[in-house]
């Protein structure tokens, strides 16, 4: 009823709640803002977008992040069962690390 959507992070190998946002649209906007804020806009950031049965939304997120960060390519992956267990089908995620 409240449409609470968690933004999760993986910290020290554990999945933890980062924020709770109302509505999917607001959660996706917040996810984009967090990635743009925290991810260095270089290929060394190794940014990717992941999804659990929502490829269309993952493509939209990747396109928005490409434009915002000036990247030429962001790979898309399916998320594994560990993340889907926590977040369920329809999950959209972004991840990055720097080398």
PDB file of N, CA and C in Angstrom:
ATOM      1  N   UNK A   1       0.821  -1.186   0.000  1.00  0.00           N
ATOM      2  CA  UNK A   1       0.000   0.000   0.000  1.00  0.00           C
ATOM      3  C   UNK A   1       0.872   1.259   0.000  1.00  0.00           C
ATOM      4  N   UNK A   2       1.946   1.283   0.768  1.00  0.00           N
ATOM      5  CA  UNK A   2       2.822   2.454   0.818  1.00  0.00           C
ATOM      6  C   UNK A   2       3.845   2.480  -0.306  1.00  0.00           C
ATOM      7  N   UNK A   3       3.987   1.377  -1.020  1.00  0.00           N
ATOM      8  CA  UNK A   3       4.925   1.259  -2.133  1.00  0.00           C
ATOM      9  C   UNK A   3       6.352   1.630  -1.728  1.00  0.00           C
ATOM     10  N   UNK A   4       6.809   1.113  -0.596  1.00  0.00           N
ATOM     11  CA  UNK A   4       8.169   1.360  -0.139  1.00  0.00           C
ATOM     12  C   UNK A   4       9.125   0.502  -0.965  1.00  0.00           C
ATOM     13  N   UNK A   5      10.121   1.151  -1.545  1.00  0.00           N
ATOM     14  CA  UNK A   5      11.132   0.469  -2.354  1.00  0.00           C
ATOM     15  C   UNK A   5      12.493   0.696  -1.711  1.00  0.00           C
ATOM     16  N   UNK A   6      13.155  -0.366  -1.284  1.00  0.00           N
ATOM     17  CA  UNK A   6      14.463  -0.187  -0.661  1.00  0.00           C
ATOM     18  C   UNK A   6      15.565  -0.004  -1.703  1.00  0.00           C
ATOM     19  N   UNK A   7      16.529   0.816  -1.375  1.00  0.00           N
ATOM     20  CA  UNK A   7      17.773   0.871  -2.121  1.00  0.00           C
ATOM     21  C   UNK A   7      18.778   0.136  -1.246  1.00  0.00           C
ATOM     22  N   UNK A   8      19.322  -0.941  -1.806  1.00  0.00           N
ATOM     23  CA  UNK A   8      20.226  -1.793  -1.048  1.00  0.00           C
ATOM     24  C   UNK A   8      21.668  -1.565  -1.489  1.00  0.00           C
ATOM     25  N   UNK A   9      22.584  -1.884  -0.603  1.00  0.00           N
ATOM     26  CA  UNK A   9      23.991  -1.856  -0.957  1.00  0.00           C
ATOM     27  C   UNK A   9      24.646  -3.118  -0.430  1.00  0.00           C
ATOM     28  N   UNK A  10      25.743  -3.487  -1.065  1.00  0.00           N
ATOM     29  CA  UNK A  10      26.520  -4.616  -0.583  1.00  0.00           C
ATOM     30  C   UNK A  10      27.722  -4.023   0.133  1.00  0.00           C
ATOM     31  N   UNK A  11      27.793  -4.287   1.415  1.00  0.00           N
ATOM     32  CA  UNK A  11      28.877  -3.751   2.247  1.00  0.00           C
ATOM     33  C   UNK A  11      29.513  -4.910   2.998  1.00  0.00           C
ATOM     34  N   UNK A  12      30.815  -5.066   2.828  1.00  0.00           N
ATOM     35  CA  UNK A  12      31.564  -6.146   3.473  1.00  0.00           C
ATOM     36  C   UNK A  12      30.939  -7.510   3.191  1.00  0.00           C
ATOM     37  N   UNK A  13      30.455  -7.697   1.948  1.00  0.00           N
ATOM     38  CA  UNK A  13      29.895  -8.973   1.546  1.00  0.00           C
ATOM     39  C   UNK A  13      28.469  -9.232   1.999  1.00  0.00           C
ATOM     40  N   UNK A  14      27.832  -8.247   2.644  1.00  0.00           N
ATOM     41  CA  UNK A  14      26.449  -8.416   3.123  1.00  0.00           C
ATOM     42  C   UNK A  14      25.536  -7.405   2.447  1.00  0.00           C
ATOM     43  N   UNK A  15      24.314  -7.815   2.201  1.00  0.00           N
ATOM     44  CA  UNK A  15      23.312  -6.919   1.640  1.00  0.00           C
ATOM     45  C   UNK A  15      22.676  -6.136   2.779  1.00  0.00           C
ATOM     46  N   UNK A  16      22.716  -4.803   2.684  1.00  0.00           N
ATOM     47  CA  UNK A  16      22.173  -3.948   3.735  1.00  0.00           C
ATOM     48  C   UNK A  16      21.296  -2.869   3.118  1.00  0.00           C
ATOM     49  N   UNK A  17      20.302  -2.433   3.872  1.00  0.00           N
ATOM     50  CA  UNK A  17      19.440  -1.334   3.419  1.00  0.00           C
ATOM     51  C   UNK A  17      20.228  -0.030   3.448  1.00  0.00           C
ATOM     52  N   UNK A  18      20.166   0.729   2.367  1.00  0.00           N
ATOM     53  CA  UNK A  18      20.827   2.034   2.286  1.00  0.00           C
ATOM     54  C   UNK A  18      19.807   3.140   2.520  1.00  0.00           C
ATOM     55  N   UNK A  19      18.686   3.059   1.815  1.00  0.00           N
ATOM     56  CA  UNK A  19      17.578   4.011   1.959  1.00  0.00           C
ATOM     57  C   UNK A  19      16.276   3.305   1.623  1.00  0.00           C
ATOM     58  N   UNK A  20      15.178   3.881   2.057  1.00  0.00           N
ATOM     59  CA  UNK A  20      13.849   3.411   1.671  1.00  0.00           C
ATOM     60  C   UNK A  20      13.130   4.581   1.021  1.00  0.00           C
ATOM     61  N   UNK A  21      12.636   4.347  -0.188  1.00  0.00           N
ATOM     62  CA  UNK A  21      12.010   5.392  -0.994  1.00  0.00           C
ATOM     63  C   UNK A  21      10.590   4.950  -1.333  1.00  0.00           C
ATOM     64  N   UNK A  22       9.681   5.903  -1.361  1.00  0.00           N
ATOM     65  CA  UNK A  22       8.305   5.586  -1.768  1.00  0.00           C
ATOM     66  C   UNK A  22       8.195   5.688  -3.272  1.00  0.00           C
ATOM     67  N   UNK A  23       7.624   4.718  -3.874  1.00  0.00           N
ATOM     68  CA  UNK A  23       7.338   4.501  -5.298  1.00  0.00           C
ATOM     69  C   UNK A  23       8.576   4.082  -6.079  1.00  0.00           C
ATOM     70  N   UNK A  24       8.333   3.259  -7.032  1.00  0.00           N
ATOM     71  CA  UNK A  24       9.404   2.733  -7.896  1.00  0.00           C
ATOM     72  C   UNK A  24      10.061   3.855  -8.698  1.00  0.00           C
ATOM     73  N   UNK A  25       9.278   4.756  -9.224  1.00  0.00           N
ATOM     74  CA  UNK A  25       9.816   5.851 -10.036  1.00  0.00           C
ATOM     75  C   UNK A  25      10.798   6.696  -9.227  1.00  0.00           C
ATOM     76  N   UNK A  26      10.422   7.051  -8.005  1.00  0.00           N
ATOM     77  CA  UNK A  26      11.314   7.835  -7.153  1.00  0.00           C
ATOM     78  C   UNK A  26      12.573   7.046  -6.770  1.00  0.00           C
ATOM     79  N   UNK A  27      12.414   5.750  -6.554  1.00  0.00           N
ATOM     80  CA  UNK A  27      13.568   4.914  -6.211  1.00  0.00           C
ATOM     81  C   UNK A  27      14.559   4.855  -7.374  1.00  0.00           C
ATOM     82  N   UNK A  28      14.052   4.726  -8.604  1.00  0.00           N
ATOM     83  CA  UNK A  28      14.942   4.692  -9.764  1.00  0.00           C
ATOM     84  C   UNK A  28      15.636   6.042  -9.966  1.00  0.00           C
ATOM     85  N   UNK A  29      14.924   7.130  -9.737  1.00  0.00           N
ATOM     86  CA  UNK A  29      15.541   8.456  -9.840  1.00  0.00           C
ATOM     87  C   UNK A  29      16.635   8.624  -8.783  1.00  0.00           C
ATOM     88  N   UNK A  30      16.383   8.151  -7.576  1.00  0.00           N
ATOM     89  CA  UNK A  30      17.376   8.248  -6.509  1.00  0.00           C
ATOM     90  C   UNK A  30      18.590   7.380  -6.822  1.00  0.00           C
ATOM     91  N   UNK A  31      18.348   6.181  -7.371  1.00  0.00           N
ATOM     92  CA  UNK A  31      19.443   5.297  -7.757  1.00  0.00           C
ATOM     93  C   UNK A  31      20.332   5.987  -8.793  1.00  0.00           C
ATOM     94  N   UNK A  32      19.715   6.601  -9.807  1.00  0.00           N
ATOM     95  CA  UNK A  32      20.490   7.333 -10.821  1.00  0.00           C
ATOM     96  C   UNK A  32      21.320   8.433 -10.170  1.00  0.00           C
ATOM     97  N   UNK A  33      20.703   9.201  -9.286  1.00  0.00           N
ATOM     98  CA  UNK A  33      21.410  10.305  -8.626  1.00  0.00           C
ATOM     99  C   UNK A  33      22.591   9.788  -7.808  1.00  0.00           C
ATOM    100  N   UNK A  34      22.404   8.690  -7.090  1.00  0.00           N
ATOM    101  CA  UNK A  34      23.493   8.121  -6.288  1.00  0.00           C
ATOM    102  C   UNK A  34      24.661   7.671  -7.162  1.00  0.00           C
ATOM    103  N   UNK A  35      24.343   7.020  -8.279  1.00  0.00           N
ATOM    104  CA  UNK A  35      25.407   6.540  -9.167  1.00  0.00           C
ATOM    105  C   UNK A  35      26.153   7.721  -9.780  1.00  0.00           C
ATOM    106  N   UNK A  36      25.432   8.721 -10.253  1.00  0.00           N
ATOM    107  CA  UNK A  36      26.076   9.897 -10.857  1.00  0.00           C
ATOM    108  C   UNK A  36      26.952  10.608  -9.828  1.00  0.00           C
ATOM    109  N   UNK A  37      26.484  10.654  -8.594  1.00  0.00           N
ATOM    110  CA  UNK A  37      27.216  11.316  -7.512  1.00  0.00           C
ATOM    111  C   UNK A  37      28.474  10.550  -7.086  1.00  0.00           C
ATOM    112  N   UNK A  38      28.408   9.227  -7.076  1.00  0.00           N
ATOM    113  CA  UNK A  38      29.479   8.427  -6.495  1.00  0.00           C
ATOM    114  C   UNK A  38      30.400   7.736  -7.497  1.00  0.00           C
ATOM    115  N   UNK A  39      29.929   7.509  -8.706  1.00  0.00           N
ATOM    116  CA  UNK A  39      30.716   6.762  -9.694  1.00  0.00           C
ATOM    117  C   UNK A  39      31.599   7.717 -10.492  1.00  0.00           C
ATOM    118  N   UNK A  40      32.907   7.481 -10.524  1.00  0.00           N
ATOM    119  CA  UNK A  40      33.765   8.325 -11.351  1.00  0.00           C
ATOM    120  C   UNK A  40      33.400   8.160 -12.832  1.00  0.00           C
ATOM    121  N   UNK A  41      33.304   9.256 -13.586  1.00  0.00           N
ATOM    122  CA  UNK A  41      32.897   9.160 -14.993  1.00  0.00           C
ATOM    123  C   UNK A  41      34.041   8.731 -15.910  1.00  0.00           C
ATOM    124  N   UNK A  42      34.648   7.597 -15.615  1.00  0.00           N
ATOM    125  CA  UNK A  42      35.737   7.066 -16.430  1.00  0.00           C
ATOM    126  C   UNK A  42      35.494   5.580 -16.672  1.00  0.00           C
ATOM    127  N   UNK A  43      36.063   5.045 -17.733  1.00  0.00           N
ATOM    128  CA  UNK A  43      35.912   3.607 -17.989  1.00  0.00           C
ATOM    129  C   UNK A  43      36.493   2.735 -16.876  1.00  0.00           C
ATOM    130  N   UNK A  44      37.422   3.256 -16.096  1.00  0.00           N
ATOM    131  CA  UNK A  44      38.008   2.488 -15.004  1.00  0.00           C
ATOM    132  C   UNK A  44      37.017   2.224 -13.864  1.00  0.00           C
ATOM    133  N   UNK A  45      35.866   2.865 -13.904  1.00  0.00           N
ATOM    134  CA  UNK A  45      34.863   2.664 -12.854  1.00  0.00           C
ATOM    135  C   UNK A  45      34.155   1.319 -12.975  1.00  0.00           C
ATOM    136  N   UNK A  46      34.187   0.685 -14.131  1.00  0.00           N
ATOM    137  CA  UNK A  46      33.567  -0.617 -14.334  1.00  0.00           C
ATOM    138  C   UNK A  46      32.103  -0.603 -13.882  1.00  0.00           C
ATOM    139  N   UNK A  47      31.324   0.304 -14.421  1.00  0.00           N
ATOM    140  CA  UNK A  47      29.904   0.448 -14.101  1.00  0.00           C
ATOM    141  C   UNK A  47      29.092  -0.552 -14.901  1.00  0.00           C
ATOM    142  N   UNK A  48      28.102  -1.159 -14.264  1.00  0.00           N
ATOM    143  CA  UNK A  48      27.171  -2.047 -14.959  1.00  0.00           C
ATOM    144  C   UNK A  48      25.770  -1.842 -14.394  1.00  0.00           C
ATOM    145  N   UNK A  49      24.792  -2.265 -15.160  1.00  0.00           N
ATOM    146  CA  UNK A  49      23.392  -2.247 -14.729  1.00  0.00           C
ATOM    147  C   UNK A  49      22.909  -3.686 -14.738  1.00  0.00           C
ATOM    148  N   UNK A  50      22.154  -4.041 -13.704  1.00  0.00           N
ATOM    149  CA  UNK A  50      21.662  -5.407 -13.555  1.00  0.00           C
ATOM    150  C   UNK A  50      20.145  -5.393 -13.367  1.00  0.00           C
ATOM    151  N   UNK A  51      19.524  -6.512 -13.661  1.00  0.00           N
ATOM    152  CA  UNK A  51      18.068  -6.590 -13.496  1.00  0.00           C
ATOM    153  C   UNK A  51      17.634  -8.023 -13.240  1.00  0.00           C
ATOM    154  N   UNK A  52      16.444  -8.133 -12.665  1.00  0.00           N
ATOM    155  CA  UNK A  52      15.795  -9.430 -12.471  1.00  0.00           C
ATOM    156  C   UNK A  52      14.445  -9.355 -13.186  1.00  0.00           C
ATOM    157  N   UNK A  53      14.447  -9.738 -14.451  1.00  0.00           N
ATOM    158  CA  UNK A  53      13.227  -9.795 -15.253  1.00  0.00           C
ATOM    159  C   UNK A  53      12.614  -8.420 -15.525  1.00  0.00           C
ATOM    160  N   UNK A  54      13.445  -7.405 -15.722  1.00  0.00           N
ATOM    161  CA  UNK A  54      12.965  -6.086 -16.144  1.00  0.00           C
ATOM    162  C   UNK A  54      14.017  -5.451 -17.051  1.00  0.00           C
ATOM    163  N   UNK A  55      14.242  -6.113 -18.172  1.00  0.00           N
ATOM    164  CA  UNK A  55      15.276  -5.677 -19.102  1.00  0.00           C
ATOM    165  C   UNK A  55      15.000  -4.287 -19.670  1.00  0.00           C
ATOM    166  N   UNK A  56      13.742  -3.961 -19.932  1.00  0.00           N
ATOM    167  CA  UNK A  56      13.402  -2.653 -20.493  1.00  0.00           C
ATOM    168  C   UNK A  56      13.818  -1.518 -19.550  1.00  0.00           C
ATOM    169  N   UNK A  57      13.531  -1.661 -18.261  1.00  0.00           N
ATOM    170  CA  UNK A  57      13.918  -0.629 -17.295  1.00  0.00           C
ATOM    171  C   UNK A  57      15.438  -0.574 -17.145  1.00  0.00           C
ATOM    172  N   UNK A  58      16.093  -1.715 -17.218  1.00  0.00           N
ATOM    173  CA  UNK A  58      17.556  -1.741 -17.140  1.00  0.00           C
ATOM    174  C   UNK A  58      18.174  -0.999 -18.324  1.00  0.00           C
ATOM    175  N   UNK A  59      17.622  -1.179 -19.518  1.00  0.00           N
ATOM    176  CA  UNK A  59      18.104  -0.445 -20.694  1.00  0.00           C
ATOM    177  C   UNK A  59      17.923   1.059 -20.500  1.00  0.00           C
ATOM    178  N   UNK A  60      16.771   1.469 -19.969  1.00  0.00           N
ATOM    179  CA  UNK A  60      16.524   2.903 -19.726  1.00  0.00           C
ATOM    180  C   UNK A  60      17.524   3.469 -18.719  1.00  0.00           C
ATOM    181  N   UNK A  61      17.752   2.735 -17.631  1.00  0.00           N
ATOM    182  CA  UNK A  61      18.708   3.185 -16.624  1.00  0.00           C
ATOM    183  C   UNK A  61      20.105   3.302 -17.226  1.00  0.00           C
ATOM    184  N   UNK A  62      20.518   2.307 -17.989  1.00  0.00           N
ATOM    185  CA  UNK A  62      21.850   2.340 -18.616  1.00  0.00           C
ATOM    186  C   UNK A  62      21.974   3.529 -19.565  1.00  0.00           C
ATOM    187  N   UNK A  63      20.939   3.793 -20.348  1.00  0.00           N
ATOM    188  CA  UNK A  63      20.971   4.929 -21.278  1.00  0.00           C
ATOM    189  C   UNK A  63      21.076   6.250 -20.520  1.00  0.00           C
ATOM    190  N   UNK A  64      20.316   6.394 -19.447  1.00  0.00           N
ATOM    191  CA  UNK A  64      20.371   7.617 -18.640  1.00  0.00           C
ATOM    192  C   UNK A  64      21.750   7.803 -18.008  1.00  0.00           C
ATOM    193  N   UNK A  65      22.332   6.718 -17.506  1.00  0.00           N
ATOM    194  CA  UNK A  65      23.652   6.807 -16.886  1.00  0.00           C
ATOM    195  C   UNK A  65      24.740   7.075 -17.919  1.00  0.00           C
ATOM    196  N   UNK A  66      24.623   6.490 -19.108  1.00  0.00           N
ATOM    197  CA  UNK A  66      25.580   6.779 -20.184  1.00  0.00           C
ATOM    198  C   UNK A  66      25.597   8.271 -20.480  1.00  0.00           C
ATOM    199  N   UNK A  67      24.409   8.836 -20.629  1.00  0.00           N
ATOM    200  CA  UNK A  67      24.312  10.263 -20.938  1.00  0.00           C
ATOM    201  C   UNK A  67      24.838  11.124 -19.798  1.00  0.00           C
ATOM    202  N   UNK A  68      24.497  10.789 -18.576  1.00  0.00           N
ATOM    203  CA  UNK A  68      24.894  11.600 -17.424  1.00  0.00           C
ATOM    204  C   UNK A  68      26.397  11.533 -17.157  1.00  0.00           C
ATOM    205  N   UNK A  69      26.996  10.366 -17.390  1.00  0.00           N
ATOM    206  CA  UNK A  69      28.412  10.184 -17.080  1.00  0.00           C
ATOM    207  C   UNK A  69      29.323  10.280 -18.305  1.00  0.00           C
ATOM    208  N   UNK A  70      28.729  10.388 -19.489  1.00  0.00           N
ATOM    209  CA  UNK A  70      29.516  10.485 -20.707  1.00  0.00           C
ATOM    210  C   UNK A  70      30.240   9.204 -21.073  1.00  0.00           C
ATOM    211  N   UNK A  71      29.669   8.072 -20.724  1.00  0.00           N
ATOM    212  CA  UNK A  71      30.279   6.786 -21.035  1.00  0.00           C
ATOM    213  C   UNK A  71      29.739   6.257 -22.353  1.00  0.00           C
ATOM    214  N   UNK A  72      30.554   5.491 -23.056  1.00  0.00           N
ATOM    215  CA  UNK A  72      30.113   4.950 -24.340  1.00  0.00           C
ATOM    216  C   UNK A  72      29.376   3.627 -24.192  1.00  0.00           C
ATOM    217  N   UNK A  73      29.668   2.893 -23.138  1.00  0.00           N
ATOM    218  CA  UNK A  73      29.040   1.581 -22.969  1.00  0.00           C
ATOM    219  C   UNK A  73      28.868   1.250 -21.488  1.00  0.00           C
ATOM    220  N   UNK A  74      27.705   0.714 -21.159  1.00  0.00           N
ATOM    221  CA  UNK A  74      27.447   0.178 -19.820  1.00  0.00           C
ATOM    222  C   UNK A  74      26.836  -1.207 -20.020  1.00  0.00           C
ATOM    223  N   UNK A  75      27.532  -2.261 -19.624  1.00  0.00           N
ATOM    224  CA  UNK A  75      26.988  -3.608 -19.826  1.00  0.00           C
ATOM    225  C   UNK A  75      25.781  -3.880 -18.930  1.00  0.00           C
ATOM    226  N   UNK A  76      24.905  -4.755 -19.437  1.00  0.00           N
ATOM    227  CA  UNK A  76      23.723  -5.189 -18.697  1.00  0.00           C
ATOM    228  C   UNK A  76      23.875  -6.656 -18.321  1.00  0.00           C
ATOM    229  N   UNK A  77      23.505  -6.974 -17.094  1.00  0.00           N
ATOM    230  CA  UNK A  77      23.579  -8.345 -16.607  1.00  0.00           C
ATOM    231  C   UNK A  77      22.295  -8.693 -15.864  1.00  0.00           C
ATOM    232  N   UNK A  78      22.000  -9.969 -15.797  1.00  0.00           N
ATOM    233  CA  UNK A  78      20.938 -10.448 -14.929  1.00  0.00           C
ATOM    234  C   UNK A  78      21.494 -10.598 -13.518  1.00  0.00           C
ATOM    235  N   UNK A  79      20.692 -10.292 -12.519  1.00  0.00           N
ATOM    236  CA  UNK A  79      21.166 -10.465 -11.144  1.00  0.00           C
ATOM    237  C   UNK A  79      20.997 -11.921 -10.729  1.00  0.00           C
ATOM    238  N   UNK A  80      21.789 -12.326  -9.780  1.00  0.00           N
ATOM    239  CA  UNK A  80      21.739 -13.690  -9.303  1.00  0.00           C
ATOM    240  C   UNK A  80      20.631 -13.920  -8.291  1.00  0.00           C
ATOM    241  N   UNK A  81      20.532 -15.139  -7.865  1.00  0.00           N
ATOM    242  CA  UNK A  81      19.455 -15.520  -6.954  1.00  0.00           C
ATOM    243  C   UNK A  81      19.597 -14.880  -5.576  1.00  0.00           C
ATOM    244  N   UNK A  82      20.818 -14.577  -5.142  1.00  0.00           N
ATOM    245  CA  UNK A  82      20.998 -13.966  -3.817  1.00  0.00           C
ATOM    246  C   UNK A  82      20.328 -12.590  -3.763  1.00  0.00           C
ATOM    247  N   UNK A  83      20.505 -11.782  -4.791  1.00  0.00           N
ATOM    248  CA  UNK A  83      19.886 -10.455  -4.821  1.00  0.00           C
ATOM    249  C   UNK A  83      18.383 -10.581  -5.059  1.00  0.00           C
ATOM    250  N   UNK A  84      17.986 -11.456  -5.967  1.00  0.00           N
ATOM    251  CA  UNK A  84      16.559 -11.630  -6.249  1.00  0.00           C
ATOM    252  C   UNK A  84      15.816 -12.109  -5.006  1.00  0.00           C
ATOM    253  N   UNK A  85      16.449 -12.903  -4.175  1.00  0.00           N
ATOM    254  CA  UNK A  85      15.838 -13.353  -2.918  1.00  0.00           C
ATOM    255  C   UNK A  85      15.502 -12.169  -2.030  1.00  0.00           C
ATOM    256  N   UNK A  86      16.397 -11.202  -1.950  1.00  0.00           N
ATOM    257  CA  UNK A  86      16.169 -10.019  -1.115  1.00  0.00           C
ATOM    258  C   UNK A  86      15.188  -9.037  -1.745  1.00  0.00           C
ATOM    259  N   UNK A  87      15.288  -8.833  -3.050  1.00  0.00           N
ATOM    260  CA  UNK A  87      14.549  -7.743  -3.680  1.00  0.00           C
ATOM    261  C   UNK A  87      13.394  -8.193  -4.564  1.00  0.00           C
ATOM    262  N   UNK A  88      13.403  -9.419  -5.050  1.00  0.00           N
ATOM    263  CA  UNK A  88      12.311  -9.937  -5.844  1.00  0.00           C
ATOM    264  C   UNK A  88      12.431  -9.660  -7.326  1.00  0.00           C
ATOM    265  N   UNK A  89      11.526 -10.258  -8.120  1.00  0.00           N
ATOM    266  CA  UNK A  89      11.519 -10.019  -9.552  1.00  0.00           C
ATOM    267  C   UNK A  89      11.221  -8.540  -9.849  1.00  0.00           C
ATOM    268  N   UNK A  90      11.778  -8.037 -10.927  1.00  0.00           N
ATOM    269  CA  UNK A  90      11.597  -6.644 -11.274  1.00  0.00           C
ATOM    270  C   UNK A  90      12.674  -5.743 -10.699  1.00  0.00           C
ATOM    271  N   UNK A  91      13.616  -6.332  -9.998  1.00  0.00           N
ATOM    272  CA  UNK A  91      14.715  -5.568  -9.411  1.00  0.00           C
ATOM    273  C   UNK A  91      15.580  -4.968 -10.510  1.00  0.00           C
ATOM    274  N   UNK A  92      15.974  -3.721 -10.308  1.00  0.00           N
ATOM    275  CA  UNK A  92      16.927  -3.050 -11.194  1.00  0.00           C
ATOM    276  C   UNK A  92      18.042  -2.524 -10.298  1.00  0.00           C
ATOM    277  N   UNK A  93      19.284  -2.734 -10.713  1.00  0.00           N
ATOM    278  CA  UNK A  93      20.414  -2.349  -9.883  1.00  0.00           C
ATOM    279  C   UNK A  93      21.531  -1.767 -10.737  1.00  0.00           C
ATOM    280  N   UNK A  94      22.396  -1.026 -10.085  1.00  0.00           N
ATOM    281  CA  UNK A  94      23.614  -0.529 -10.709  1.00  0.00           C
ATOM    282  C   UNK A  94      24.761  -0.840  -9.770  1.00  0.00           C
ATOM    283  N   UNK A  95      25.870  -1.188 -10.336  1.00  0.00           N
ATOM    284  CA  UNK A  95      27.037  -1.475  -9.528  1.00  0.00           C
ATOM    285  C   UNK A  95      28.286  -0.980 -10.203  1.00  0.00           C
ATOM    286  N   UNK A  96      29.265  -0.602  -9.409  1.00  0.00           N
ATOM    287  CA  UNK A  96      30.539  -0.194  -9.979  1.00  0.00           C
ATOM    288  C   UNK A  96      31.641  -0.401  -8.950  1.00  0.00           C
ATOM    289  N   UNK A  97      32.845  -0.499  -9.465  1.00  0.00           N
ATOM    290  CA  UNK A  97      34.048  -0.487  -8.639  1.00  0.00           C
ATOM    291  C   UNK A  97      35.144   0.146  -9.460  1.00  0.00           C
ATOM    292  N   UNK A  98      36.138   0.661  -8.808  1.00  0.00           N
ATOM    293  CA  UNK A  98      37.250   1.259  -9.522  1.00  0.00           C
ATOM    294  C   UNK A  98      38.457   0.343  -9.396  1.00  0.00           C
ATOM    295  N   UNK A  99      39.252   0.329 -10.442  1.00  0.00           N
ATOM    296  CA  UNK A  99      40.428  -0.562 -10.423  1.00  0.00           C
ATOM    297  C   UNK A  99      41.654   0.152  -9.909  1.00  0.00           C
TER     298      UNK A  99
END
